[in-house]
mmCIF file of all heavy atoms, coordinates in Angstrom:
data_MODEL
# 
_entry.id   MODEL 
# 
loop_
_atom_site.group_PDB 
_atom_site.id 
_atom_site.type_symbol 
_atom_site.label_atom_id 
_atom_site.label_alt_id 
_atom_site.label_comp_id 
_atom_site.label_asym_id 
_atom_site.label_entity_id 
_atom_site.label_seq_id 
_atom_site.pdbx_PDB_ins_code 
_atom_site.Cartn_x 
_atom_site.Cartn_y 
_atom_site.Cartn_z 
_atom_site.occupancy 
_atom_site.B_iso_or_equiv 
_atom_site.pdbx_formal_charge 
_atom_site.auth_seq_id 
_atom_site.auth_comp_id 
_atom_site.auth_asym_id 
_atom_site.auth_atom_id 
_atom_site.pdbx_PDB_model_num 
ATOM 1   N N   . PRO A 1 1  ? 18.317 12.231 8.336  1.00 0.00 ? 1  PRO A N   1 
ATOM 2   C CA  . PRO A 1 1  ? 19.442 11.736 9.267  1.00 0.00 ? 1  PRO A CA  1 
ATOM 3   C C   . PRO A 1 1  ? 20.832 11.748 8.543  1.00 0.00 ? 1  PRO A C   1 
ATOM 4   O O   . PRO A 1 1  ? 21.842 12.052 9.180  1.00 0.00 ? 1  PRO A O   1 
ATOM 5   C CB  . PRO A 1 1  ? 18.949 10.345 9.591  1.00 0.00 ? 1  PRO A CB  1 
ATOM 6   C CG  . PRO A 1 1  ? 17.447 10.465 9.477  1.00 0.00 ? 1  PRO A CG  1 
ATOM 7   C CD  . PRO A 1 1  ? 17.238 11.336 8.336  1.00 0.00 ? 1  PRO A CD  1 
ATOM 8   N N   . LEU A 1 2  ? 20.769 11.338 7.216  1.00 0.00 ? 2  LEU A N   1 
ATOM 9   C CA  . LEU A 1 2  ? 22.086 11.272 6.480  1.00 0.00 ? 2  LEU A CA  1 
ATOM 10  C C   . LEU A 1 2  ? 22.773 12.694 6.402  1.00 0.00 ? 2  LEU A C   1 
ATOM 11  O O   . LEU A 1 2  ? 23.849 12.877 6.743  1.00 0.00 ? 2  LEU A O   1 
ATOM 12  C CB  . LEU A 1 2  ? 21.734 10.721 5.125  1.00 0.00 ? 2  LEU A CB  1 
ATOM 13  C CG  . LEU A 1 2  ? 22.889 10.780 4.225  1.00 0.00 ? 2  LEU A CG  1 
ATOM 14  C CD1 . LEU A 1 2  ? 24.030 9.876  4.668  1.00 0.00 ? 2  LEU A CD1 1 
ATOM 15  C CD2 . LEU A 1 2  ? 22.553 10.418 2.689  1.00 0.00 ? 2  LEU A CD2 1 
ATOM 16  N N   . LEU A 1 3  ? 21.863 13.660 6.110  1.00 0.00 ? 3  LEU A N   1 
ATOM 17  C CA  . LEU A 1 3  ? 22.466 15.031 5.893  1.00 0.00 ? 3  LEU A CA  1 
ATOM 18  C C   . LEU A 1 3  ? 22.974 15.557 7.293  1.00 0.00 ? 3  LEU A C   1 
ATOM 19  O O   . LEU A 1 3  ? 23.932 16.361 7.330  1.00 0.00 ? 3  LEU A O   1 
ATOM 20  C CB  . LEU A 1 3  ? 21.557 15.959 5.208  1.00 0.00 ? 3  LEU A CB  1 
ATOM 21  C CG  . LEU A 1 3  ? 21.107 15.620 3.804  1.00 0.00 ? 3  LEU A CG  1 
ATOM 22  C CD1 . LEU A 1 3  ? 20.043 16.603 3.391  1.00 0.00 ? 3  LEU A CD1 1 
ATOM 23  C CD2 . LEU A 1 3  ? 22.355 15.665 3.026  1.00 0.00 ? 3  LEU A CD2 1 
ATOM 24  N N   . ASN A 1 4  ? 22.219 15.297 8.363  1.00 0.00 ? 4  ASN A N   1 
ATOM 25  C CA  . ASN A 1 4  ? 22.571 15.727 9.604  1.00 0.00 ? 4  ASN A CA  1 
ATOM 26  C C   . ASN A 1 4  ? 23.820 15.078 10.106 1.00 0.00 ? 4  ASN A C   1 
ATOM 27  O O   . ASN A 1 4  ? 24.734 15.681 10.755 1.00 0.00 ? 4  ASN A O   1 
ATOM 28  C CB  . ASN A 1 4  ? 21.537 15.409 10.653 1.00 0.00 ? 4  ASN A CB  1 
ATOM 29  C CG  . ASN A 1 4  ? 20.284 16.375 10.526 1.00 0.00 ? 4  ASN A CG  1 
ATOM 30  O OD1 . ASN A 1 4  ? 20.361 17.460 10.034 1.00 0.00 ? 4  ASN A OD1 1 
ATOM 31  N ND2 . ASN A 1 4  ? 19.074 15.716 10.912 1.00 0.00 ? 4  ASN A ND2 1 
ATOM 32  N N   . ARG A 1 5  ? 24.077 13.805 9.692  1.00 0.00 ? 5  ARG A N   1 
ATOM 33  C CA  . ARG A 1 5  ? 25.244 13.026 10.020 1.00 0.00 ? 5  ARG A CA  1 
ATOM 34  C C   . ARG A 1 5  ? 26.499 13.564 9.387  1.00 0.00 ? 5  ARG A C   1 
ATOM 35  O O   . ARG A 1 5  ? 27.524 13.666 10.001 1.00 0.00 ? 5  ARG A O   1 
ATOM 36  C CB  . ARG A 1 5  ? 25.046 11.570 9.796  1.00 0.00 ? 5  ARG A CB  1 
ATOM 37  C CG  . ARG A 1 5  ? 26.187 10.761 10.284 1.00 0.00 ? 5  ARG A CG  1 
ATOM 38  C CD  . ARG A 1 5  ? 25.860 9.310  10.136 1.00 0.00 ? 5  ARG A CD  1 
ATOM 39  N NE  . ARG A 1 5  ? 26.966 8.367  10.606 1.00 0.00 ? 5  ARG A NE  1 
ATOM 40  C CZ  . ARG A 1 5  ? 26.990 7.997  11.927 1.00 0.00 ? 5  ARG A CZ  1 
ATOM 41  N NH1 . ARG A 1 5  ? 26.159 8.391  12.719 1.00 0.00 ? 5  ARG A NH1 1 
ATOM 42  N NH2 . ARG A 1 5  ? 28.113 7.222  12.385 1.00 0.00 ? 5  ARG A NH2 1 
ATOM 43  N N   . ILE A 1 6  ? 26.367 13.910 8.082  1.00 0.00 ? 6  ILE A N   1 
ATOM 44  C CA  . ILE A 1 6  ? 27.527 14.399 7.314  1.00 0.00 ? 6  ILE A CA  1 
ATOM 45  C C   . ILE A 1 6  ? 27.777 15.937 7.277  1.00 0.00 ? 6  ILE A C   1 
ATOM 46  O O   . ILE A 1 6  ? 28.749 16.400 6.747  1.00 0.00 ? 6  ILE A O   1 
ATOM 47  C CB  . ILE A 1 6  ? 27.416 13.768 5.831  1.00 0.00 ? 6  ILE A CB  1 
ATOM 48  C CG1 . ILE A 1 6  ? 26.262 14.550 5.078  1.00 0.00 ? 6  ILE A CG1 1 
ATOM 49  C CG2 . ILE A 1 6  ? 27.307 12.332 5.801  1.00 0.00 ? 6  ILE A CG2 1 
ATOM 50  C CD1 . ILE A 1 6  ? 26.295 14.237 3.664  1.00 0.00 ? 6  ILE A CD1 1 
ATOM 51  N N   . ALA A 1 7  ? 26.882 16.676 8.013  1.00 0.00 ? 7  ALA A N   1 
ATOM 52  C CA  . ALA A 1 7  ? 26.932 18.067 8.029  1.00 0.00 ? 7  ALA A CA  1 
ATOM 53  C C   . ALA A 1 7  ? 28.191 18.455 8.651  1.00 0.00 ? 7  ALA A C   1 
ATOM 54  O O   . ALA A 1 7  ? 28.521 18.052 9.763  1.00 0.00 ? 7  ALA A O   1 
ATOM 55  C CB  . ALA A 1 7  ? 25.727 18.707 8.601  1.00 0.00 ? 7  ALA A CB  1 
ATOM 56  N N   . PRO A 1 8  ? 28.908 19.421 8.107  1.00 0.00 ? 8  PRO A N   1 
ATOM 57  C CA  . PRO A 1 8  ? 30.038 19.909 8.822  1.00 0.00 ? 8  PRO A CA  1 
ATOM 58  C C   . PRO A 1 8  ? 29.776 20.786 9.967  1.00 0.00 ? 8  PRO A C   1 
ATOM 59  O O   . PRO A 1 8  ? 28.734 21.335 10.029 1.00 0.00 ? 8  PRO A O   1 
ATOM 60  C CB  . PRO A 1 8  ? 30.841 20.776 7.652  1.00 0.00 ? 8  PRO A CB  1 
ATOM 61  C CG  . PRO A 1 8  ? 29.649 21.194 6.816  1.00 0.00 ? 8  PRO A CG  1 
ATOM 62  C CD  . PRO A 1 8  ? 28.647 20.077 6.878  1.00 0.00 ? 8  PRO A CD  1 
ATOM 63  N N   . LYS A 1 9  ? 30.828 20.874 10.891 1.00 0.00 ? 9  LYS A N   1 
ATOM 64  C CA  . LYS A 1 9  ? 30.506 21.716 11.928 1.00 0.00 ? 9  LYS A CA  1 
ATOM 65  C C   . LYS A 1 9  ? 30.635 23.211 11.519 1.00 0.00 ? 9  LYS A C   1 
ATOM 66  O O   . LYS A 1 9  ? 31.361 23.626 10.707 1.00 0.00 ? 9  LYS A O   1 
ATOM 67  C CB  . LYS A 1 9  ? 31.699 21.576 12.994 1.00 0.00 ? 9  LYS A CB  1 
ATOM 68  C CG  . LYS A 1 9  ? 31.721 20.199 13.644 1.00 0.00 ? 9  LYS A CG  1 
ATOM 69  C CD  . LYS A 1 9  ? 32.742 20.046 14.803 1.00 0.00 ? 9  LYS A CD  1 
ATOM 70  C CE  . LYS A 1 9  ? 32.735 18.787 15.395 1.00 0.00 ? 9  LYS A CE  1 
ATOM 71  N NZ  . LYS A 1 9  ? 33.805 18.535 16.495 1.00 0.00 ? 9  LYS A NZ  1 
ATOM 72  N N   . VAL A 1 10 ? 29.513 23.904 12.002 1.00 0.00 ? 10 VAL A N   1 
ATOM 73  C CA  . VAL A 1 10 ? 29.337 25.406 11.610 1.00 0.00 ? 10 VAL A CA  1 
ATOM 74  C C   . VAL A 1 10 ? 29.936 26.248 12.652 1.00 0.00 ? 10 VAL A C   1 
ATOM 75  O O   . VAL A 1 10 ? 29.641 26.053 13.873 1.00 0.00 ? 10 VAL A O   1 
ATOM 76  C CB  . VAL A 1 10 ? 27.904 25.745 11.283 1.00 0.00 ? 10 VAL A CB  1 
ATOM 77  C CG1 . VAL A 1 10 ? 27.672 26.967 10.905 1.00 0.00 ? 10 VAL A CG1 1 
ATOM 78  C CG2 . VAL A 1 10 ? 27.299 24.710 10.271 1.00 0.00 ? 10 VAL A CG2 1 
ATOM 79  N N   . ASP A 1 11 ? 30.642 27.251 12.194 1.00 0.00 ? 11 ASP A N   1 
ATOM 80  C CA  . ASP A 1 11 ? 31.116 28.228 13.115 1.00 0.00 ? 11 ASP A CA  1 
ATOM 81  C C   . ASP A 1 11 ? 30.029 29.383 13.223 1.00 0.00 ? 11 ASP A C   1 
ATOM 82  O O   . ASP A 1 11 ? 29.868 30.213 12.431 1.00 0.00 ? 11 ASP A O   1 
ATOM 83  C CB  . ASP A 1 11 ? 32.386 28.950 12.556 1.00 0.00 ? 11 ASP A CB  1 
ATOM 84  C CG  . ASP A 1 11 ? 33.125 29.949 13.543 1.00 0.00 ? 11 ASP A CG  1 
ATOM 85  O OD1 . ASP A 1 11 ? 32.380 30.304 14.672 1.00 0.00 ? 11 ASP A OD1 1 
ATOM 86  O OD2 . ASP A 1 11 ? 34.187 30.331 13.345 1.00 0.00 ? 11 ASP A OD2 1 
ATOM 87  N N   . ARG A 1 12 ? 29.238 29.179 14.379 1.00 0.00 ? 12 ARG A N   1 
ATOM 88  C CA  . ARG A 1 12 ? 28.099 30.016 14.547 1.00 0.00 ? 12 ARG A CA  1 
ATOM 89  C C   . ARG A 1 12 ? 28.441 31.436 14.702 1.00 0.00 ? 12 ARG A C   1 
ATOM 90  O O   . ARG A 1 12 ? 27.796 32.214 14.132 1.00 0.00 ? 12 ARG A O   1 
ATOM 91  C CB  . ARG A 1 12 ? 27.391 29.549 15.806 1.00 0.00 ? 12 ARG A CB  1 
ATOM 92  C CG  . ARG A 1 12 ? 26.791 28.124 15.671 1.00 0.00 ? 12 ARG A CG  1 
ATOM 93  C CD  . ARG A 1 12 ? 25.825 27.876 14.632 1.00 0.00 ? 12 ARG A CD  1 
ATOM 94  N NE  . ARG A 1 12 ? 24.800 28.800 14.585 1.00 0.00 ? 12 ARG A NE  1 
ATOM 95  C CZ  . ARG A 1 12 ? 23.824 28.843 13.614 1.00 0.00 ? 12 ARG A CZ  1 
ATOM 96  N NH1 . ARG A 1 12 ? 23.929 27.961 12.544 1.00 0.00 ? 12 ARG A NH1 1 
ATOM 97  N NH2 . ARG A 1 12 ? 22.932 29.769 13.478 1.00 0.00 ? 12 ARG A NH2 1 
ATOM 98  N N   . ALA A 1 13 ? 29.594 31.769 15.331 1.00 0.00 ? 13 ALA A N   1 
ATOM 99  C CA  . ALA A 1 13 ? 30.057 33.081 15.574 1.00 0.00 ? 13 ALA A CA  1 
ATOM 100 C C   . ALA A 1 13 ? 30.421 33.744 14.237 1.00 0.00 ? 13 ALA A C   1 
ATOM 101 O O   . ALA A 1 13 ? 29.776 34.898 13.920 1.00 0.00 ? 13 ALA A O   1 
ATOM 102 C CB  . ALA A 1 13 ? 31.257 33.261 16.436 1.00 0.00 ? 13 ALA A CB  1 
ATOM 103 N N   . ALA A 1 14 ? 31.023 33.081 13.414 1.00 0.00 ? 14 ALA A N   1 
ATOM 104 C CA  . ALA A 1 14 ? 31.416 33.554 11.962 1.00 0.00 ? 14 ALA A CA  1 
ATOM 105 C C   . ALA A 1 14 ? 30.146 33.850 11.129 1.00 0.00 ? 14 ALA A C   1 
ATOM 106 O O   . ALA A 1 14 ? 29.946 34.814 10.457 1.00 0.00 ? 14 ALA A O   1 
ATOM 107 C CB  . ALA A 1 14 ? 32.413 32.754 11.243 1.00 0.00 ? 14 ALA A CB  1 
ATOM 108 N N   . LEU A 1 15 ? 29.210 32.826 11.205 1.00 0.00 ? 15 LEU A N   1 
ATOM 109 C CA  . LEU A 1 15 ? 27.885 32.832 10.511 1.00 0.00 ? 15 LEU A CA  1 
ATOM 110 C C   . LEU A 1 15 ? 27.169 34.107 10.872 1.00 0.00 ? 15 LEU A C   1 
ATOM 111 O O   . LEU A 1 15 ? 26.541 34.718 10.091 1.00 0.00 ? 15 LEU A O   1 
ATOM 112 C CB  . LEU A 1 15 ? 27.250 31.569 10.641 1.00 0.00 ? 15 LEU A CB  1 
ATOM 113 C CG  . LEU A 1 15 ? 25.943 31.442 9.828  1.00 0.00 ? 15 LEU A CG  1 
ATOM 114 C CD1 . LEU A 1 15 ? 26.285 31.475 8.378  1.00 0.00 ? 15 LEU A CD1 1 
ATOM 115 C CD2 . LEU A 1 15 ? 25.248 30.057 9.982  1.00 0.00 ? 15 LEU A CD2 1 
ATOM 116 N N   . ASP A 1 16 ? 26.979 34.171 12.248 1.00 0.00 ? 16 ASP A N   1 
ATOM 117 C CA  . ASP A 1 16 ? 26.227 35.360 12.765 1.00 0.00 ? 16 ASP A CA  1 
ATOM 118 C C   . ASP A 1 16 ? 26.869 36.671 12.267 1.00 0.00 ? 16 ASP A C   1 
ATOM 119 O O   . ASP A 1 16 ? 26.045 37.645 11.968 1.00 0.00 ? 16 ASP A O   1 
ATOM 120 C CB  . ASP A 1 16 ? 26.075 35.262 14.276 1.00 0.00 ? 16 ASP A CB  1 
ATOM 121 C CG  . ASP A 1 16 ? 25.293 34.127 14.761 1.00 0.00 ? 16 ASP A CG  1 
ATOM 122 O OD1 . ASP A 1 16 ? 24.591 33.563 13.943 1.00 0.00 ? 16 ASP A OD1 1 
ATOM 123 O OD2 . ASP A 1 16 ? 25.493 33.693 16.014 1.00 0.00 ? 16 ASP A OD2 1 
ATOM 124 N N   . GLU A 1 17 ? 28.105 36.830 12.306 1.00 0.00 ? 17 GLU A N   1 
ATOM 125 C CA  . GLU A 1 17 ? 28.830 37.917 11.895 1.00 0.00 ? 17 GLU A CA  1 
ATOM 126 C C   . GLU A 1 17 ? 28.595 38.145 10.554 1.00 0.00 ? 17 GLU A C   1 
ATOM 127 O O   . GLU A 1 17 ? 28.315 39.389 9.956  1.00 0.00 ? 17 GLU A O   1 
ATOM 128 C CB  . GLU A 1 17 ? 30.235 37.806 12.246 1.00 0.00 ? 17 GLU A CB  1 
ATOM 129 C CG  . GLU A 1 17 ? 31.101 39.013 11.772 1.00 0.00 ? 17 GLU A CG  1 
ATOM 130 C CD  . GLU A 1 17 ? 30.698 40.271 12.512 1.00 0.00 ? 17 GLU A CD  1 
ATOM 131 O OE1 . GLU A 1 17 ? 30.232 40.261 13.764 1.00 0.00 ? 17 GLU A OE1 1 
ATOM 132 O OE2 . GLU A 1 17 ? 30.756 41.467 11.982 1.00 0.00 ? 17 GLU A OE2 1 
ATOM 133 N N   . GLN A 1 18 ? 28.683 37.284 9.686  1.00 0.00 ? 18 GLN A N   1 
ATOM 134 C CA  . GLN A 1 18 ? 28.319 37.428 8.307  1.00 0.00 ? 18 GLN A CA  1 
ATOM 135 C C   . GLN A 1 18 ? 26.954 37.905 7.981  1.00 0.00 ? 18 GLN A C   1 
ATOM 136 O O   . GLN A 1 18 ? 26.730 38.696 7.180  1.00 0.00 ? 18 GLN A O   1 
ATOM 137 C CB  . GLN A 1 18 ? 28.542 36.050 7.453  1.00 0.00 ? 18 GLN A CB  1 
ATOM 138 C CG  . GLN A 1 18 ? 28.356 36.168 6.057  1.00 0.00 ? 18 GLN A CG  1 
ATOM 139 C CD  . GLN A 1 18 ? 28.695 34.777 5.295  1.00 0.00 ? 18 GLN A CD  1 
ATOM 140 O OE1 . GLN A 1 18 ? 29.260 33.848 5.879  1.00 0.00 ? 18 GLN A OE1 1 
ATOM 141 N NE2 . GLN A 1 18 ? 28.177 34.594 4.172  1.00 0.00 ? 18 GLN A NE2 1 
ATOM 142 N N   . THR A 1 19 ? 25.954 37.254 8.751  1.00 0.00 ? 19 THR A N   1 
ATOM 143 C CA  . THR A 1 19 ? 24.592 37.732 8.584  1.00 0.00 ? 19 THR A CA  1 
ATOM 144 C C   . THR A 1 19 ? 24.448 39.142 9.011  1.00 0.00 ? 19 THR A C   1 
ATOM 145 O O   . THR A 1 19 ? 23.621 39.887 8.358  1.00 0.00 ? 19 THR A O   1 
ATOM 146 C CB  . THR A 1 19 ? 23.663 36.670 9.460  1.00 0.00 ? 19 THR A CB  1 
ATOM 147 O OG1 . THR A 1 19 ? 23.846 35.403 9.016  1.00 0.00 ? 19 THR A OG1 1 
ATOM 148 C CG2 . THR A 1 19 ? 22.199 37.172 9.245  1.00 0.00 ? 19 THR A CG2 1 
ATOM 149 N N   . ARG A 1 20 ? 25.075 39.488 10.098 1.00 0.00 ? 20 ARG A N   1 
ATOM 150 C CA  . ARG A 1 20 ? 24.874 40.886 10.664 1.00 0.00 ? 20 ARG A CA  1 
ATOM 151 C C   . ARG A 1 20 ? 25.399 41.831 9.555  1.00 0.00 ? 20 ARG A C   1 
ATOM 152 O O   . ARG A 1 20 ? 24.915 42.829 9.315  1.00 0.00 ? 20 ARG A O   1 
ATOM 153 C CB  . ARG A 1 20 ? 25.644 41.040 11.860 1.00 0.00 ? 20 ARG A CB  1 
ATOM 154 C CG  . ARG A 1 20 ? 24.823 40.650 13.180 1.00 0.00 ? 20 ARG A CG  1 
ATOM 155 C CD  . ARG A 1 20 ? 25.386 41.133 14.466 1.00 0.00 ? 20 ARG A CD  1 
ATOM 156 N NE  . ARG A 1 20 ? 26.803 40.527 14.644 1.00 0.00 ? 20 ARG A NE  1 
ATOM 157 C CZ  . ARG A 1 20 ? 26.966 39.407 15.328 1.00 0.00 ? 20 ARG A CZ  1 
ATOM 158 N NH1 . ARG A 1 20 ? 25.980 38.777 15.807 1.00 0.00 ? 20 ARG A NH1 1 
ATOM 159 N NH2 . ARG A 1 20 ? 28.292 39.011 15.366 1.00 0.00 ? 20 ARG A NH2 1 
ATOM 160 N N   . ALA A 1 21 ? 26.618 41.377 8.997  1.00 0.00 ? 21 ALA A N   1 
ATOM 161 C CA  . ALA A 1 21 ? 27.194 42.433 8.024  1.00 0.00 ? 21 ALA A CA  1 
ATOM 162 C C   . ALA A 1 21 ? 26.223 42.509 6.713  1.00 0.00 ? 21 ALA A C   1 
ATOM 163 O O   . ALA A 1 21 ? 26.061 43.568 6.255  1.00 0.00 ? 21 ALA A O   1 
ATOM 164 C CB  . ALA A 1 21 ? 28.440 41.782 7.609  1.00 0.00 ? 21 ALA A CB  1 
ATOM 165 N N   . GLU A 1 22 ? 25.644 41.303 6.331  1.00 0.00 ? 22 GLU A N   1 
ATOM 166 C CA  . GLU A 1 22 ? 24.713 41.439 5.185  1.00 0.00 ? 22 GLU A CA  1 
ATOM 167 C C   . GLU A 1 22 ? 23.562 42.313 5.473  1.00 0.00 ? 22 GLU A C   1 
ATOM 168 O O   . GLU A 1 22 ? 23.043 43.140 4.661  1.00 0.00 ? 22 GLU A O   1 
ATOM 169 C CB  . GLU A 1 22 ? 24.267 39.940 4.919  1.00 0.00 ? 22 GLU A CB  1 
ATOM 170 C CG  . GLU A 1 22 ? 23.231 39.921 3.800  1.00 0.00 ? 22 GLU A CG  1 
ATOM 171 C CD  . GLU A 1 22 ? 23.893 39.360 2.642  1.00 0.00 ? 22 GLU A CD  1 
ATOM 172 O OE1 . GLU A 1 22 ? 25.192 39.410 2.449  1.00 0.00 ? 22 GLU A OE1 1 
ATOM 173 O OE2 . GLU A 1 22 ? 23.126 38.796 1.706  1.00 0.00 ? 22 GLU A OE2 1 
ATOM 174 N N   . ARG A 1 23 ? 23.015 42.252 6.722  1.00 0.00 ? 23 ARG A N   1 
ATOM 175 C CA  . ARG A 1 23 ? 21.901 43.002 7.146  1.00 0.00 ? 23 ARG A CA  1 
ATOM 176 C C   . ARG A 1 23 ? 22.183 44.527 7.213  1.00 0.00 ? 23 ARG A C   1 
ATOM 177 O O   . ARG A 1 23 ? 21.500 45.373 6.835  1.00 0.00 ? 23 ARG A O   1 
ATOM 178 C CB  . ARG A 1 23 ? 21.170 42.502 8.402  1.00 0.00 ? 23 ARG A CB  1 
ATOM 179 C CG  . ARG A 1 23 ? 20.480 41.183 8.272  1.00 0.00 ? 23 ARG A CG  1 
ATOM 180 C CD  . ARG A 1 23 ? 20.081 40.659 9.641  1.00 0.00 ? 23 ARG A CD  1 
ATOM 181 N NE  . ARG A 1 23 ? 19.266 39.385 9.351  1.00 0.00 ? 23 ARG A NE  1 
ATOM 182 C CZ  . ARG A 1 23 ? 18.864 38.693 10.335 1.00 0.00 ? 23 ARG A CZ  1 
ATOM 183 N NH1 . ARG A 1 23 ? 19.112 39.034 11.630 1.00 0.00 ? 23 ARG A NH1 1 
ATOM 184 N NH2 . ARG A 1 23 ? 18.283 37.511 10.175 1.00 0.00 ? 23 ARG A NH2 1 
ATOM 185 N N   . THR A 1 24 ? 23.490 44.819 7.631  1.00 0.00 ? 24 THR A N   1 
ATOM 186 C CA  . THR A 1 24 ? 23.924 46.154 7.701  1.00 0.00 ? 24 THR A CA  1 
ATOM 187 C C   . THR A 1 24 ? 24.057 46.770 6.441  1.00 0.00 ? 24 THR A C   1 
ATOM 188 O O   . THR A 1 24 ? 23.586 47.886 6.160  1.00 0.00 ? 24 THR A O   1 
ATOM 189 C CB  . THR A 1 24 ? 25.292 46.165 8.453  1.00 0.00 ? 24 THR A CB  1 
ATOM 190 O OG1 . THR A 1 24 ? 25.095 45.586 9.848  1.00 0.00 ? 24 THR A OG1 1 
ATOM 191 C CG2 . THR A 1 24 ? 25.726 47.599 8.568  1.00 0.00 ? 24 THR A CG2 1 
ATOM 192 N N   . ARG A 1 25 ? 24.489 46.009 5.375  1.00 0.00 ? 25 ARG A N   1 
ATOM 193 C CA  . ARG A 1 25 ? 24.693 46.581 4.031  1.00 0.00 ? 25 ARG A CA  1 
ATOM 194 C C   . ARG A 1 25 ? 23.181 46.791 3.470  1.00 0.00 ? 25 ARG A C   1 
ATOM 195 O O   . ARG A 1 25 ? 22.971 47.723 2.866  1.00 0.00 ? 25 ARG A O   1 
ATOM 196 C CB  . ARG A 1 25 ? 25.335 45.490 3.137  1.00 0.00 ? 25 ARG A CB  1 
ATOM 197 C CG  . ARG A 1 25 ? 26.873 45.480 3.374  1.00 0.00 ? 25 ARG A CG  1 
ATOM 198 C CD  . ARG A 1 25 ? 27.578 44.687 2.289  1.00 0.00 ? 25 ARG A CD  1 
ATOM 199 N NE  . ARG A 1 25 ? 27.012 43.506 2.024  1.00 0.00 ? 25 ARG A NE  1 
ATOM 200 C CZ  . ARG A 1 25 ? 26.474 43.160 0.883  1.00 0.00 ? 25 ARG A CZ  1 
ATOM 201 N NH1 . ARG A 1 25 ? 26.347 44.011 -0.183 1.00 0.00 ? 25 ARG A NH1 1 
ATOM 202 N NH2 . ARG A 1 25 ? 26.068 41.796 0.577  1.00 0.00 ? 25 ARG A NH2 1 
# 
């Protein structure tokens, strides 16, 4: 619960794009 509470908001679109770029490479 502590880590979920303090976790920053994640830009899912940017993260997905980064993952796609990694897999493409």
